[in-house]
C-alpha cells in the first residue's frame, strides 16, 4: 500500500477543540487573578489573561497531539 492510500492521522473536531480551549482560557484567567500583583481590577484581568494565554496554548497543543495519537492508534488496530 502506498503512502497516499493510507489513512492519515488527523485532528478531531476543530469546533470542539476551540470550545474546550476557550473554556480553559476563561478558567485560567479566573484562577490566575489572585496571583497577579496589580493595583487596579482592569490590570488584574489583563495580566491574568496574558498569563493564561501561554497555558491555554499548551493545552491546545496537548489536546491536538492527544487526538492525533489516539486516531493513529485506532487506525493501526483496525
Protein backbone atom coordinates (compact mmCIF):
# COMPACT_ATOMS: atom_id res chain seq x y z
CA UNK A 1 0.00 0.00 0.00
CA UNK A 2 1.45 3.34 -0.97
CA UNK A 3 1.64 6.21 1.45
CA UNK A 4 -1.03 8.15 -0.45
CA UNK A 5 -3.53 5.29 0.05
CA UNK A 6 -3.03 5.12 3.81
CA UNK A 7 -5.49 6.95 6.01
CA UNK A 8 -3.70 9.90 7.54
CA UNK A 9 -3.95 10.66 11.23
CA UNK A 10 -5.78 13.94 11.72
CA UNK A 11 -7.15 16.21 14.36
CA UNK A 12 -10.54 15.72 15.91
CA UNK A 13 -13.41 18.12 15.54
CA UNK A 14 -11.89 21.63 15.40
CA UNK A 15 -15.04 23.24 16.80
CA UNK A 16 -14.87 21.08 19.94
CA UNK A 17 -11.15 21.87 20.27
CA UNK A 18 -11.79 25.61 20.09
CA UNK A 19 -14.67 25.45 22.58
CA UNK A 20 -12.56 23.47 25.06
CA UNK A 21 -9.65 25.84 24.55
CA UNK A 22 -11.88 28.86 25.18
CA UNK A 23 -13.21 27.32 28.37
CA UNK A 24 -9.66 26.56 29.55
CA UNK A 25 -8.63 30.16 28.80
CA UNK A 26 -11.52 31.54 30.84
CA UNK A 27 -10.77 29.12 33.68
CA UNK A 28 -7.07 30.01 33.83
CA UNK A 29 -7.82 33.73 33.59
CA UNK A 30 -10.23 33.46 36.50
CA UNK A 31 -7.84 31.34 38.61
CA UNK A 32 -4.76 33.49 37.96
CA UNK A 33 -6.38 36.74 39.10
CA UNK A 34 -5.36 36.05 42.70
CA UNK A 35 -1.69 35.69 41.73
CA UNK A 36 -1.29 38.88 39.70
CA UNK A 37 0.25 41.82 41.57
CA UNK A 38 -1.81 44.65 40.07
CA UNK A 39 -3.42 47.60 41.78
CA UNK A 40 -6.47 48.01 39.54
CA UNK A 41 -9.08 45.44 38.64
CA UNK A 42 -8.63 46.08 34.91
CA UNK A 43 -4.88 45.43 35.05
CA UNK A 44 -5.50 42.38 37.20
CA UNK A 45 -7.76 40.87 34.49
CA UNK A 46 -5.39 41.94 31.71
CA UNK A 47 -2.28 40.37 33.21
CA UNK A 48 -4.10 37.22 34.28
CA UNK A 49 -5.38 36.84 30.69
CA UNK A 50 -1.84 37.39 29.42
CA UNK A 51 -0.51 34.67 31.72
CA UNK A 52 -3.40 32.35 30.82
CA UNK A 53 -2.55 32.66 27.12
CA UNK A 54 0.60 30.53 27.38
CA UNK A 55 -1.16 27.90 29.48
CA UNK A 56 -4.03 27.82 27.01
CA UNK A 57 -1.68 27.40 24.05
CA UNK A 58 -0.03 24.48 25.84
CA UNK A 59 -3.46 22.92 26.41
CA UNK A 60 -4.41 23.44 22.75
CA UNK A 61 -1.26 21.73 21.50
CA UNK A 62 -1.66 18.90 24.03
CA UNK A 63 -5.27 18.17 23.12
CA UNK A 64 -4.43 18.14 19.42
CA UNK A 65 -1.43 15.85 19.93
CA UNK A 66 -3.58 13.54 22.03
CA UNK A 67 -6.26 13.34 19.35
CA UNK A 68 -3.73 12.65 16.59
CA UNK A 69 -2.13 9.90 18.67
CA UNK A 70 -5.49 8.39 19.58
CA UNK A 71 -6.70 8.39 15.97
CA UNK A 72 -3.42 6.87 14.77
CA UNK A 73 -3.70 4.18 17.44
CA UNK A 74 -7.27 3.37 16.39
CA UNK A 75 -6.24 3.21 12.71
CA UNK A 76 -3.41 0.78 13.47
CA UNK A 77 -5.69 -1.53 15.46
CA UNK A 78 -8.45 -1.89 12.90
